[in-house]
């Protein structure tokens, strides 16, 4: 099992930036992918970005591509989500998640399937005002 702790959420005006961090502890060698998901109030959780731990393959949802960047710092078992050009519709609870599956996926939709992720953080709130 992998324990995940997110940080870095907050409030920002539209056009601004935030960087989220996700620190992993426990059985970190079991991670195939580390991803970020978000959930708007009353809606289902949706994938944002994910990263292969071994190969550093990156996948992004269309609605964040070009604005968000996922990266990792292996020495710290930490994954980051740099969010630029934020929009009010980016307002959501953001969750970090770990998947044990190391496969190469054909599409971002496949890589960001929530059912592939077995360990989840508690979430960090991001609020973007217009």
Protein backbone atom coordinates (compact mmCIF):
# COMPACT_ATOMS: atom_id res chain seq x y z
CA UNK A 1 0.00 0.00 0.00
CA UNK A 2 1.13 3.53 -0.79
CA UNK A 3 0.24 6.48 1.41
CA UNK A 4 -0.21 9.76 -0.48
CA UNK A 5 -0.31 13.28 0.90
CA UNK A 6 -1.20 16.24 -1.32
CA UNK A 7 -0.32 19.87 -0.69
CA UNK A 8 -0.21 23.16 -2.55
CA UNK A 9 -3.86 23.87 -3.17
CA UNK A 10 -5.34 27.29 -2.57
CA UNK A 11 -7.15 30.21 -4.13
CA UNK A 12 -5.94 32.09 -7.17
CA UNK A 13 -7.36 34.44 -9.77
CA UNK A 14 -7.99 33.33 -13.32
CA UNK A 15 -4.78 33.29 -15.33
CA UNK A 16 -2.71 32.51 -12.26
CA UNK A 17 -0.64 29.46 -11.34
CA UNK A 18 -0.41 26.88 -8.60
CA UNK A 19 1.83 23.88 -8.02
CA UNK A 20 0.45 20.82 -6.30
CA UNK A 21 2.71 18.28 -4.63
CA UNK A 22 2.07 14.65 -3.78
CA UNK A 23 4.43 12.86 -1.42
CA UNK A 24 4.34 9.06 -1.45
CA UNK A 25 5.30 6.79 1.44
CA UNK A 26 5.09 3.08 2.17
CA UNK A 27 5.46 0.57 -0.67
CA UNK A 28 6.61 3.17 -3.19
CA UNK A 29 8.38 0.61 -5.39
CA UNK A 30 4.98 -0.82 -6.32
CA UNK A 31 4.01 2.32 -8.23
CA UNK A 32 3.62 2.07 -11.99
CA UNK A 33 1.95 5.44 -12.46
CA UNK A 34 1.23 8.47 -10.35
CA UNK A 35 -1.68 10.58 -11.43
CA UNK A 36 -3.80 13.58 -10.60
CA UNK A 37 -7.56 13.59 -10.66
CA UNK A 38 -10.12 16.21 -9.77
CA UNK A 39 -13.73 16.31 -8.70
CA UNK A 40 -16.16 19.17 -9.16
CA UNK A 41 -19.02 19.40 -6.64
CA UNK A 42 -21.76 16.97 -7.56
CA UNK A 43 -19.80 15.43 -10.41
CA UNK A 44 -17.73 12.32 -10.94
CA UNK A 45 -13.99 12.29 -10.48
CA UNK A 46 -12.10 12.95 -13.71
CA UNK A 47 -8.52 12.38 -14.76
CA UNK A 48 -6.17 15.31 -15.18
CA UNK A 49 -2.66 13.98 -15.78
CA UNK A 50 -0.58 10.91 -15.09
CA UNK A 51 3.07 9.92 -15.25
CA UNK A 52 4.86 6.60 -15.66
CA UNK A 53 7.34 6.24 -12.80
CA UNK A 54 9.86 4.18 -14.78
CA UNK A 55 9.58 5.64 -18.28
CA UNK A 56 8.33 9.14 -17.46
CA UNK A 57 5.58 8.84 -20.09
CA UNK A 58 3.08 11.62 -19.55
CA UNK A 59 -0.61 11.70 -20.38
CA UNK A 60 -2.92 14.69 -20.14
CA UNK A 61 -6.64 15.20 -20.41
CA UNK A 62 -7.57 17.50 -23.29
CA UNK A 63 -8.99 20.15 -20.96
CA UNK A 64 -5.60 20.74 -19.29
CA UNK A 65 -3.16 19.94 -22.10
CA UNK A 66 -0.79 22.82 -22.69
CA UNK A 67 -1.59 24.40 -19.32
CA UNK A 68 -0.71 21.72 -16.77
CA UNK A 69 2.55 19.79 -16.42
CA UNK A 70 3.14 16.68 -14.34
CA UNK A 71 6.64 15.85 -13.12
CA UNK A 72 8.40 13.75 -10.52
CA UNK A 73 11.31 13.96 -8.15
CA UNK A 74 12.31 10.37 -7.53
CA UNK A 75 14.64 11.05 -4.63
CA UNK A 76 11.69 12.45 -2.70
CA UNK A 77 9.04 10.05 -4.04
CA UNK A 78 7.12 13.17 -4.96
CA UNK A 79 5.01 14.05 -7.96
CA UNK A 80 4.07 17.59 -8.89
CA UNK A 81 1.32 19.19 -10.93
CA UNK A 82 2.23 22.62 -12.23
CA UNK A 83 -0.96 24.41 -13.19
CA UNK A 84 -0.70 27.54 -15.32
CA UNK A 85 -3.30 29.75 -17.00
CA UNK A 86 -5.88 28.58 -14.51
CA UNK A 87 -9.56 29.00 -15.33
CA UNK A 88 -12.60 29.14 -13.05
CA UNK A 89 -13.65 25.74 -14.40
CA UNK A 90 -10.45 24.29 -12.92
CA UNK A 91 -11.96 24.85 -9.48
CA UNK A 92 -12.21 21.41 -7.88
CA UNK A 93 -10.83 19.08 -5.25
CA UNK A 94 -7.62 17.61 -6.64
CA UNK A 95 -6.53 14.10 -5.71
CA UNK A 96 -3.25 12.29 -6.15
CA UNK A 97 -3.39 8.57 -6.92
CA UNK A 98 -1.02 5.66 -7.48
CA UNK A 99 -1.44 2.78 -9.90
CA UNK A 100 0.55 -0.45 -9.67
CA UNK A 101 0.22 -1.13 -13.41
CA UNK A 102 3.34 -0.22 -15.45
CA UNK A 103 1.86 -0.58 -18.93
CA UNK A 104 2.21 1.86 -21.81
CA UNK A 105 -1.22 3.14 -22.71
CA UNK A 106 -2.44 4.12 -26.16
CA UNK A 107 -4.53 7.08 -25.11
CA UNK A 108 -4.78 9.48 -22.16
CA UNK A 109 -8.27 8.19 -21.53
CA UNK A 110 -6.90 4.70 -20.93
CA UNK A 111 -4.04 5.93 -18.74
CA UNK A 112 -6.42 8.06 -16.66
CA UNK A 113 -8.97 5.39 -15.96
CA UNK A 114 -9.70 5.82 -12.26
CA UNK A 115 -10.22 2.08 -11.77
CA UNK A 116 -6.49 1.53 -12.45
CA UNK A 117 -5.51 3.50 -9.36
CA UNK A 118 -5.52 1.67 -6.05
CA UNK A 119 -4.21 4.25 -3.60
CA UNK A 120 -5.58 7.76 -3.17
CA UNK A 121 -4.73 10.87 -1.20
CA UNK A 122 -7.18 12.95 0.80
CA UNK A 123 -7.30 15.75 -1.73
CA UNK A 124 -6.43 19.43 -1.85
CA UNK A 125 -8.83 22.20 -2.85
CA UNK A 126 -8.10 24.49 -5.79
CA UNK A 127 -10.30 27.55 -6.24
CA UNK A 128 -9.96 29.85 -9.25
CA UNK A 129 -11.89 33.10 -9.20
CA UNK A 130 -12.80 35.14 -12.27
